[in-house]
Amino acid sequence: MGTSVERPPELAQLQVIVSSTQSDSHTWNLVFLELLIEELGHRVVNLGSCVPDDVLVAECLRQRPDLVVISTVNGHGWIDGKRVVRRLRERPELTDTYIVIGGKLGITERSDRRTTDTLLAAGFDAVFSDGADIDSFQSYLRSLPIATAS
């Protein structure tokens, strides 16, 4: 997953794309994530809501992010997520890109372990189900190596 380098904390930045799924029109979650990730010192491009799979793939190919964060609150993350992560992973240029999903991933009260396992098997590096605390996401971000520019 990229070449990790030691940098002073004030210079360590990830290039991050934040996006919803194509069926999710919510934006508050995307703005929250954008501000949170920027507060942690990273550069963020927020693609917004209802992002078609083709647009997400094209933007990832164009921008070559270190991390893609897919957020959903409409309950269709499990369905949309499996599809879009496969589309991203089939591109050789994005094989080493970290890709995570979080939010309300299904229409039941809580996502179960099977949902998480299915999304991980589909190609996500991490899954943050509805109810996961924000500290786990922040810890994940801090654990990522900073890639050298390609």
N, C-alpha and C. Protein backbone atom coordinates (compact mmCIF):
# COMPACT_ATOMS: atom_id res chain seq x y z
N MET A 1 0.82 -1.17 0.00
CA MET A 1 0.00 0.00 0.00
C MET A 1 0.87 1.25 0.00
N GLY A 2 1.50 1.58 -1.07
CA GLY A 2 2.32 2.78 -1.15
C GLY A 2 3.62 2.60 -0.41
N THR A 3 4.51 3.56 -0.56
CA THR A 3 5.79 3.54 0.12
C THR A 3 5.69 4.46 1.32
N SER A 4 5.90 3.92 2.50
CA SER A 4 5.75 4.73 3.69
C SER A 4 7.04 5.48 3.95
N VAL A 5 6.93 6.72 4.39
CA VAL A 5 8.08 7.56 4.69
C VAL A 5 7.88 8.20 6.04
N GLU A 6 9.01 8.51 6.70
CA GLU A 6 8.94 9.23 7.97
C GLU A 6 8.91 10.71 7.67
N ARG A 7 7.93 11.40 8.17
CA ARG A 7 7.82 12.84 8.01
C ARG A 7 7.43 13.43 9.35
N PRO A 8 7.85 14.68 9.57
CA PRO A 8 7.36 15.33 10.79
C PRO A 8 5.84 15.38 10.75
N PRO A 9 5.19 15.26 11.90
CA PRO A 9 3.72 15.24 11.92
C PRO A 9 3.09 16.42 11.20
N GLU A 10 3.72 17.60 11.26
CA GLU A 10 3.12 18.76 10.61
C GLU A 10 3.16 18.67 9.09
N LEU A 11 3.98 17.78 8.53
CA LEU A 11 4.06 17.63 7.08
C LEU A 11 3.37 16.37 6.58
N ALA A 12 2.98 15.49 7.49
CA ALA A 12 2.38 14.22 7.10
C ALA A 12 0.94 14.44 6.66
N GLN A 13 0.69 14.26 5.38
CA GLN A 13 -0.66 14.44 4.85
C GLN A 13 -1.03 13.29 3.93
N LEU A 14 -2.26 12.89 4.03
CA LEU A 14 -2.83 11.96 3.07
C LEU A 14 -3.70 12.75 2.11
N GLN A 15 -3.77 12.28 0.88
CA GLN A 15 -4.74 12.82 -0.08
C GLN A 15 -5.96 11.91 0.03
N VAL A 16 -7.11 12.48 0.39
CA VAL A 16 -8.30 11.69 0.69
C VAL A 16 -9.46 12.14 -0.20
N ILE A 17 -10.17 11.18 -0.75
CA ILE A 17 -11.43 11.46 -1.43
C ILE A 17 -12.56 10.96 -0.53
N VAL A 18 -13.53 11.83 -0.28
CA VAL A 18 -14.73 11.49 0.48
C VAL A 18 -15.89 11.49 -0.50
N SER A 19 -16.73 10.45 -0.42
CA SER A 19 -17.84 10.32 -1.36
C SER A 19 -18.99 9.56 -0.72
N SER A 20 -20.18 9.79 -1.24
CA SER A 20 -21.30 8.94 -0.88
C SER A 20 -21.43 7.86 -1.96
N THR A 21 -22.45 7.05 -1.82
CA THR A 21 -22.76 6.08 -2.87
C THR A 21 -23.74 6.74 -3.84
N GLN A 22 -23.95 6.09 -4.97
CA GLN A 22 -24.81 6.71 -5.98
C GLN A 22 -26.27 6.82 -5.55
N SER A 23 -26.69 6.03 -4.57
CA SER A 23 -28.09 6.10 -4.15
C SER A 23 -28.31 6.98 -2.92
N ASP A 24 -27.25 7.57 -2.39
CA ASP A 24 -27.36 8.31 -1.13
C ASP A 24 -27.25 9.81 -1.36
N SER A 25 -28.33 10.53 -1.04
CA SER A 25 -28.37 11.98 -1.27
C SER A 25 -27.98 12.81 -0.05
N HIS A 26 -27.62 12.17 1.03
CA HIS A 26 -27.26 12.90 2.25
C HIS A 26 -25.91 13.59 2.09
N THR A 27 -25.79 14.78 2.67
CA THR A 27 -24.53 15.53 2.58
C THR A 27 -23.92 15.86 3.94
N TRP A 28 -24.73 15.90 4.99
CA TRP A 28 -24.19 16.31 6.29
C TRP A 28 -23.05 15.41 6.73
N ASN A 29 -23.17 14.11 6.47
CA ASN A 29 -22.13 13.16 6.85
C ASN A 29 -20.83 13.42 6.10
N LEU A 30 -20.95 13.81 4.84
CA LEU A 30 -19.77 14.08 4.02
C LEU A 30 -19.05 15.33 4.49
N VAL A 31 -19.81 16.36 4.82
CA VAL A 31 -19.21 17.60 5.33
C VAL A 31 -18.53 17.34 6.67
N PHE A 32 -19.18 16.58 7.54
CA PHE A 32 -18.58 16.23 8.82
C PHE A 32 -17.25 15.51 8.62
N LEU A 33 -17.24 14.50 7.75
CA LEU A 33 -16.00 13.76 7.50
C LEU A 33 -14.92 14.63 6.88
N GLU A 34 -15.31 15.47 5.94
CA GLU A 34 -14.35 16.37 5.32
C GLU A 34 -13.67 17.25 6.38
N LEU A 35 -14.46 17.86 7.24
CA LEU A 35 -13.90 18.73 8.28
C LEU A 35 -13.05 17.95 9.28
N LEU A 36 -13.50 16.77 9.66
CA LEU A 36 -12.75 15.94 10.60
C LEU A 36 -11.39 15.55 10.01
N ILE A 37 -11.39 15.08 8.79
CA ILE A 37 -10.15 14.62 8.15
C ILE A 37 -9.20 15.80 7.94
N GLU A 38 -9.73 16.94 7.53
CA GLU A 38 -8.89 18.14 7.39
C GLU A 38 -8.32 18.57 8.73
N GLU A 39 -9.12 18.48 9.79
CA GLU A 39 -8.64 18.83 11.12
C GLU A 39 -7.47 17.95 11.55
N LEU A 40 -7.44 16.73 11.05
CA LEU A 40 -6.34 15.82 11.34
C LEU A 40 -5.13 16.08 10.44
N GLY A 41 -5.23 17.08 9.56
CA GLY A 41 -4.08 17.50 8.77
C GLY A 41 -3.98 16.96 7.37
N HIS A 42 -5.05 16.38 6.86
CA HIS A 42 -5.00 15.77 5.53
C HIS A 42 -5.74 16.63 4.51
N ARG A 43 -5.42 16.41 3.25
CA ARG A 43 -6.10 17.11 2.14
C ARG A 43 -7.31 16.28 1.72
N VAL A 44 -8.44 16.94 1.54
CA VAL A 44 -9.69 16.24 1.25
C VAL A 44 -10.35 16.83 0.02
N VAL A 45 -10.82 15.94 -0.86
CA VAL A 45 -11.71 16.31 -1.95
C VAL A 45 -13.02 15.62 -1.66
N ASN A 46 -14.08 16.40 -1.51
CA ASN A 46 -15.41 15.88 -1.21
C ASN A 46 -16.21 15.85 -2.51
N LEU A 47 -16.50 14.65 -3.01
CA LEU A 47 -17.23 14.51 -4.27
C LEU A 47 -18.73 14.73 -4.11
N GLY A 48 -19.23 14.73 -2.89
CA GLY A 48 -20.63 15.02 -2.66
C GLY A 48 -21.52 13.79 -2.67
N SER A 49 -22.81 14.05 -2.81
CA SER A 49 -23.80 12.98 -2.72
C SER A 49 -24.16 12.42 -4.10
N CYS A 50 -24.78 11.25 -4.07
CA CYS A 50 -25.27 10.58 -5.29
C CYS A 50 -24.19 10.48 -6.37
N VAL A 51 -23.00 10.09 -5.98
CA VAL A 51 -21.88 10.01 -6.92
C VAL A 51 -21.98 8.71 -7.70
N PRO A 52 -22.14 8.78 -9.03
CA PRO A 52 -22.17 7.56 -9.83
C PRO A 52 -20.83 6.81 -9.73
N ASP A 53 -20.90 5.49 -9.80
CA ASP A 53 -19.69 4.68 -9.72
C ASP A 53 -18.64 5.13 -10.72
N ASP A 54 -19.05 5.41 -11.95
CA ASP A 54 -18.10 5.82 -12.99
C ASP A 54 -17.38 7.11 -12.62
N VAL A 55 -18.09 8.03 -12.00
CA VAL A 55 -17.47 9.31 -11.59
C VAL A 55 -16.46 9.07 -10.47
N LEU A 56 -16.81 8.25 -9.50
CA LEU A 56 -15.89 7.95 -8.41
C LEU A 56 -14.62 7.29 -8.95
N VAL A 57 -14.78 6.31 -9.81
CA VAL A 57 -13.62 5.63 -10.40
C VAL A 57 -12.76 6.63 -11.18
N ALA A 58 -13.38 7.45 -12.01
CA ALA A 58 -12.64 8.43 -12.82
C ALA A 58 -11.89 9.42 -11.94
N GLU A 59 -12.53 9.90 -10.88
CA GLU A 59 -11.87 10.86 -9.99
C GLU A 59 -10.71 10.20 -9.24
N CYS A 60 -10.87 8.95 -8.85
CA CYS A 60 -9.78 8.25 -8.18
C CYS A 60 -8.61 8.03 -9.13
N LEU A 61 -8.90 7.72 -10.37
CA LEU A 61 -7.82 7.56 -11.36
C LEU A 61 -7.13 8.89 -11.63
N ARG A 62 -7.88 9.96 -11.65
CA ARG A 62 -7.32 11.28 -11.93
C ARG A 62 -6.52 11.82 -10.74
N GLN A 63 -7.04 11.65 -9.54
CA GLN A 63 -6.42 12.26 -8.37
C GLN A 63 -5.47 11.35 -7.61
N ARG A 64 -5.58 10.05 -7.81
CA ARG A 64 -4.74 9.06 -7.14
C ARG A 64 -4.65 9.29 -5.63
N PRO A 65 -5.78 9.20 -4.94
CA PRO A 65 -5.77 9.43 -3.49
C PRO A 65 -5.06 8.30 -2.74
N ASP A 66 -4.62 8.61 -1.54
CA ASP A 66 -4.09 7.59 -0.64
C ASP A 66 -5.23 6.80 -0.01
N LEU A 67 -6.36 7.49 0.17
CA LEU A 67 -7.50 6.91 0.87
C LEU A 67 -8.80 7.38 0.23
N VAL A 68 -9.74 6.45 0.08
CA VAL A 68 -11.10 6.77 -0.35
C VAL A 68 -12.02 6.41 0.82
N VAL A 69 -12.83 7.39 1.24
CA VAL A 69 -13.78 7.20 2.33
C VAL A 69 -15.18 7.28 1.74
N ILE A 70 -15.91 6.18 1.81
CA ILE A 70 -17.29 6.14 1.32
C ILE A 70 -18.20 6.15 2.54
N SER A 71 -19.08 7.14 2.57
CA SER A 71 -20.00 7.30 3.70
C SER A 71 -21.43 7.21 3.20
N THR A 72 -22.25 6.50 3.95
CA THR A 72 -23.65 6.35 3.56
C THR A 72 -24.53 6.33 4.79
N VAL A 73 -25.67 6.97 4.69
CA VAL A 73 -26.60 6.96 5.82
C VAL A 73 -28.00 6.50 5.41
N ASN A 74 -28.16 6.08 4.17
CA ASN A 74 -29.50 5.70 3.71
C ASN A 74 -29.80 4.21 3.85
N GLY A 75 -28.83 3.42 4.31
CA GLY A 75 -29.07 2.00 4.52
C GLY A 75 -28.76 1.11 3.33
N HIS A 76 -28.24 1.69 2.25
CA HIS A 76 -27.92 0.89 1.07
C HIS A 76 -26.41 0.71 0.87
N GLY A 77 -25.62 1.03 1.88
CA GLY A 77 -24.17 0.93 1.79
C GLY A 77 -23.69 -0.48 1.49
N TRP A 78 -24.37 -1.46 2.04
CA TRP A 78 -23.96 -2.85 1.83
C TRP A 78 -24.08 -3.21 0.36
N ILE A 79 -25.17 -2.82 -0.27
CA ILE A 79 -25.39 -3.14 -1.69
C ILE A 79 -24.49 -2.28 -2.58
N ASP A 80 -24.57 -0.97 -2.40
CA ASP A 80 -23.79 -0.06 -3.24
C ASP A 80 -22.29 -0.22 -3.01
N GLY A 81 -21.91 -0.44 -1.75
CA GLY A 81 -20.50 -0.57 -1.42
C GLY A 81 -19.83 -1.75 -2.09
N LYS A 82 -20.49 -2.90 -2.07
CA LYS A 82 -19.91 -4.09 -2.72
C LYS A 82 -19.64 -3.83 -4.20
N ARG A 83 -20.58 -3.18 -4.84
CA ARG A 83 -20.45 -2.93 -6.27
C ARG A 83 -19.32 -1.94 -6.57
N VAL A 84 -19.31 -0.81 -5.86
CA VAL A 84 -18.33 0.23 -6.19
C VAL A 84 -16.91 -0.17 -5.80
N VAL A 85 -16.73 -0.89 -4.70
CA VAL A 85 -15.37 -1.27 -4.34
C VAL A 85 -14.79 -2.26 -5.35
N ARG A 86 -15.63 -3.11 -5.90
CA ARG A 86 -15.15 -4.03 -6.95
C ARG A 86 -14.71 -3.24 -8.18
N ARG A 87 -15.49 -2.21 -8.51
CA ARG A 87 -15.13 -1.35 -9.66
C ARG A 87 -13.79 -0.65 -9.41
N LEU A 88 -13.58 -0.18 -8.19
CA LEU A 88 -12.32 0.49 -7.87
C LEU A 88 -11.16 -0.51 -7.86
N ARG A 89 -11.38 -1.66 -7.28
CA ARG A 89 -10.30 -2.66 -7.15
C ARG A 89 -9.93 -3.30 -8.49
N GLU A 90 -10.81 -3.27 -9.46
CA GLU A 90 -10.46 -3.87 -10.75
C GLU A 90 -9.49 -2.99 -11.54
N ARG A 91 -9.27 -1.77 -11.12
CA ARG A 91 -8.33 -0.86 -11.77
C ARG A 91 -6.95 -1.06 -11.16
N PRO A 92 -5.96 -1.51 -11.95
CA PRO A 92 -4.63 -1.75 -11.41
C PRO A 92 -4.02 -0.52 -10.72
N GLU A 93 -4.37 0.67 -11.21
CA GLU A 93 -3.81 1.89 -10.64
C GLU A 93 -4.30 2.15 -9.21
N LEU A 94 -5.38 1.49 -8.82
CA LEU A 94 -5.98 1.73 -7.51
C LEU A 94 -5.82 0.55 -6.56
N THR A 95 -5.08 -0.45 -6.98
CA THR A 95 -4.93 -1.66 -6.17
C THR A 95 -4.41 -1.36 -4.77
N ASP A 96 -3.47 -0.42 -4.66
CA ASP A 96 -2.86 -0.12 -3.37
C ASP A 96 -3.53 1.02 -2.62
N THR A 97 -4.61 1.55 -3.16
CA THR A 97 -5.33 2.64 -2.49
C THR A 97 -6.15 2.07 -1.33
N TYR A 98 -6.06 2.71 -0.18
CA TYR A 98 -6.90 2.30 0.94
C TYR A 98 -8.33 2.76 0.66
N ILE A 99 -9.28 1.87 0.89
CA ILE A 99 -10.69 2.20 0.66
C ILE A 99 -11.49 1.72 1.86
N VAL A 100 -12.25 2.64 2.46
CA VAL A 100 -13.06 2.30 3.63
C VAL A 100 -14.50 2.74 3.39
N ILE A 101 -15.39 2.13 4.13
CA ILE A 101 -16.81 2.50 4.08
C ILE A 101 -17.33 2.58 5.50
N GLY A 102 -18.27 3.49 5.69
CA GLY A 102 -18.87 3.61 7.02
C GLY A 102 -20.25 4.23 6.96
N GLY A 103 -20.97 4.04 8.04
CA GLY A 103 -22.31 4.61 8.15
C GLY A 103 -23.36 3.53 8.32
N LYS A 104 -24.56 3.85 7.90
CA LYS A 104 -25.68 2.90 7.97
C LYS A 104 -25.60 2.02 6.72
N LEU A 105 -25.08 0.83 6.91
CA LEU A 105 -24.75 -0.05 5.79
C LEU A 105 -25.90 -0.95 5.37
N GLY A 106 -26.90 -1.07 6.21
CA GLY A 106 -28.06 -1.90 5.89
C GLY A 106 -29.32 -1.27 6.44
N ILE A 107 -30.43 -1.94 6.19
CA ILE A 107 -31.71 -1.37 6.62
C ILE A 107 -32.17 -1.91 7.97
N THR A 108 -31.38 -2.80 8.56
CA THR A 108 -31.71 -3.30 9.89
C THR A 108 -31.19 -2.32 10.93
N GLU A 109 -31.56 -2.56 12.18
CA GLU A 109 -31.16 -1.68 13.28
C GLU A 109 -29.64 -1.50 13.33
N ARG A 110 -28.92 -2.56 13.26
CA ARG A 110 -27.45 -2.53 13.32
C ARG A 110 -26.88 -3.47 12.26
N SER A 111 -25.75 -3.07 11.71
CA SER A 111 -25.06 -3.96 10.77
C SER A 111 -24.46 -5.11 11.58
N ASP A 112 -24.48 -6.30 11.02
CA ASP A 112 -23.93 -7.43 11.73
C ASP A 112 -22.54 -7.79 11.19
N ARG A 113 -21.93 -8.76 11.84
CA ARG A 113 -20.58 -9.18 11.48
C ARG A 113 -20.54 -9.70 10.04
N ARG A 114 -21.59 -10.34 9.59
CA ARG A 114 -21.63 -10.86 8.23
C ARG A 114 -21.56 -9.73 7.20
N THR A 115 -22.24 -8.63 7.47
CA THR A 115 -22.18 -7.47 6.58
C THR A 115 -20.75 -6.96 6.48
N THR A 116 -20.11 -6.80 7.64
CA THR A 116 -18.72 -6.34 7.67
C THR A 116 -17.81 -7.30 6.92
N ASP A 117 -17.93 -8.59 7.19
CA ASP A 117 -17.09 -9.59 6.52
C ASP A 117 -17.30 -9.57 5.01
N THR A 118 -18.54 -9.42 4.58
CA THR A 118 -18.84 -9.38 3.14
C THR A 118 -18.19 -8.17 2.49
N LEU A 119 -18.26 -7.02 3.14
CA LEU A 119 -17.66 -5.80 2.58
C LEU A 119 -16.14 -5.88 2.57
N LEU A 120 -15.56 -6.47 3.60
CA LEU A 120 -14.10 -6.66 3.61
C LEU A 120 -13.69 -7.62 2.50
N ALA A 121 -14.44 -8.70 2.32
CA ALA A 121 -14.13 -9.66 1.25
C ALA A 121 -14.29 -9.04 -0.13
N ALA A 122 -15.19 -8.08 -0.26
CA ALA A 122 -15.41 -7.41 -1.56
C ALA A 122 -14.25 -6.49 -1.92
N GLY A 123 -13.46 -6.07 -0.92
CA GLY A 123 -12.30 -5.24 -1.23
C GLY A 123 -12.05 -4.04 -0.34
N PHE A 124 -12.93 -3.78 0.63
CA PHE A 124 -12.68 -2.66 1.55
C PHE A 124 -11.57 -3.03 2.51
N ASP A 125 -10.79 -2.04 2.90
CA ASP A 125 -9.73 -2.25 3.88
C ASP A 125 -10.25 -2.13 5.31
N ALA A 126 -11.31 -1.39 5.49
CA ALA A 126 -11.93 -1.25 6.81
C ALA A 126 -13.41 -0.91 6.63
N VAL A 127 -14.20 -1.32 7.61
CA VAL A 127 -15.64 -1.06 7.61
C VAL A 127 -16.00 -0.48 8.98
N PHE A 128 -16.67 0.66 8.96
CA PHE A 128 -17.10 1.33 10.18
C PHE A 128 -18.62 1.35 10.19
N SER A 129 -19.20 0.36 10.85
CA SER A 129 -20.65 0.19 10.87
C SER A 129 -21.32 1.29 11.67
N ASP A 130 -22.61 1.45 11.41
CA ASP A 130 -23.43 2.38 12.18
C ASP A 130 -23.25 2.05 13.65
N GLY A 131 -22.94 3.05 14.43
CA GLY A 131 -22.71 2.83 15.85
C GLY A 131 -21.24 2.76 16.22
N ALA A 132 -20.35 2.64 15.24
CA ALA A 132 -18.92 2.66 15.53
C ALA A 132 -18.56 4.06 16.01
N ASP A 133 -17.68 4.15 16.99
CA ASP A 133 -17.34 5.49 17.47
C ASP A 133 -16.31 6.12 16.53
N ILE A 134 -16.31 7.44 16.53
CA ILE A 134 -15.44 8.19 15.62
C ILE A 134 -13.97 7.97 15.97
N ASP A 135 -13.68 7.61 17.22
CA ASP A 135 -12.29 7.36 17.62
C ASP A 135 -11.67 6.21 16.82
N SER A 136 -12.47 5.20 16.51
CA SER A 136 -11.92 4.07 15.74
C SER A 136 -11.54 4.51 14.33
N PHE A 137 -12.33 5.40 13.73
CA PHE A 137 -11.99 5.94 12.42
C PHE A 137 -10.75 6.81 12.50
N GLN A 138 -10.66 7.66 13.51
CA GLN A 138 -9.48 8.50 13.67
C GLN A 138 -8.23 7.66 13.89
N SER A 139 -8.33 6.62 14.68
CA SER A 139 -7.19 5.72 14.91
C SER A 139 -6.76 5.06 13.61
N TYR A 140 -7.74 4.65 12.81
CA TYR A 140 -7.43 4.06 11.51
C TYR A 140 -6.66 5.05 10.65
N LEU A 141 -7.14 6.29 10.58
CA LEU A 141 -6.45 7.31 9.78
C LEU A 141 -5.01 7.49 10.25
N ARG A 142 -4.82 7.55 11.54
CA ARG A 142 -3.47 7.76 12.09
C ARG A 142 -2.55 6.56 11.82
N SER A 143 -3.12 5.40 11.59
CA SER A 143 -2.31 4.21 11.36
C SER A 143 -1.80 4.09 9.93
N LEU A 144 -2.37 4.87 9.02
CA LEU A 144 -2.00 4.75 7.61
C LEU A 144 -0.64 5.37 7.33
N PRO A 145 0.18 4.68 6.55
CA PRO A 145 1.47 5.27 6.16
C PRO A 145 1.25 6.39 5.15
N ILE A 146 2.12 7.35 5.18
CA ILE A 146 2.07 8.44 4.21
C ILE A 146 2.84 7.98 2.99
N ALA A 147 2.17 7.95 1.84
CA ALA A 147 2.80 7.48 0.59
C ALA A 147 3.59 8.61 -0.05
N THR A 148 4.69 8.24 -0.69
CA THR A 148 5.45 9.23 -1.44
C THR A 148 4.71 9.54 -2.71
N ALA A 149 4.90 10.73 -3.22
CA ALA A 149 4.22 11.12 -4.47
C ALA A 149 4.68 10.23 -5.60
N SER A 150 3.73 9.84 -6.46
CA SER A 150 4.09 8.96 -7.57
C SER A 150 4.45 9.74 -8.79
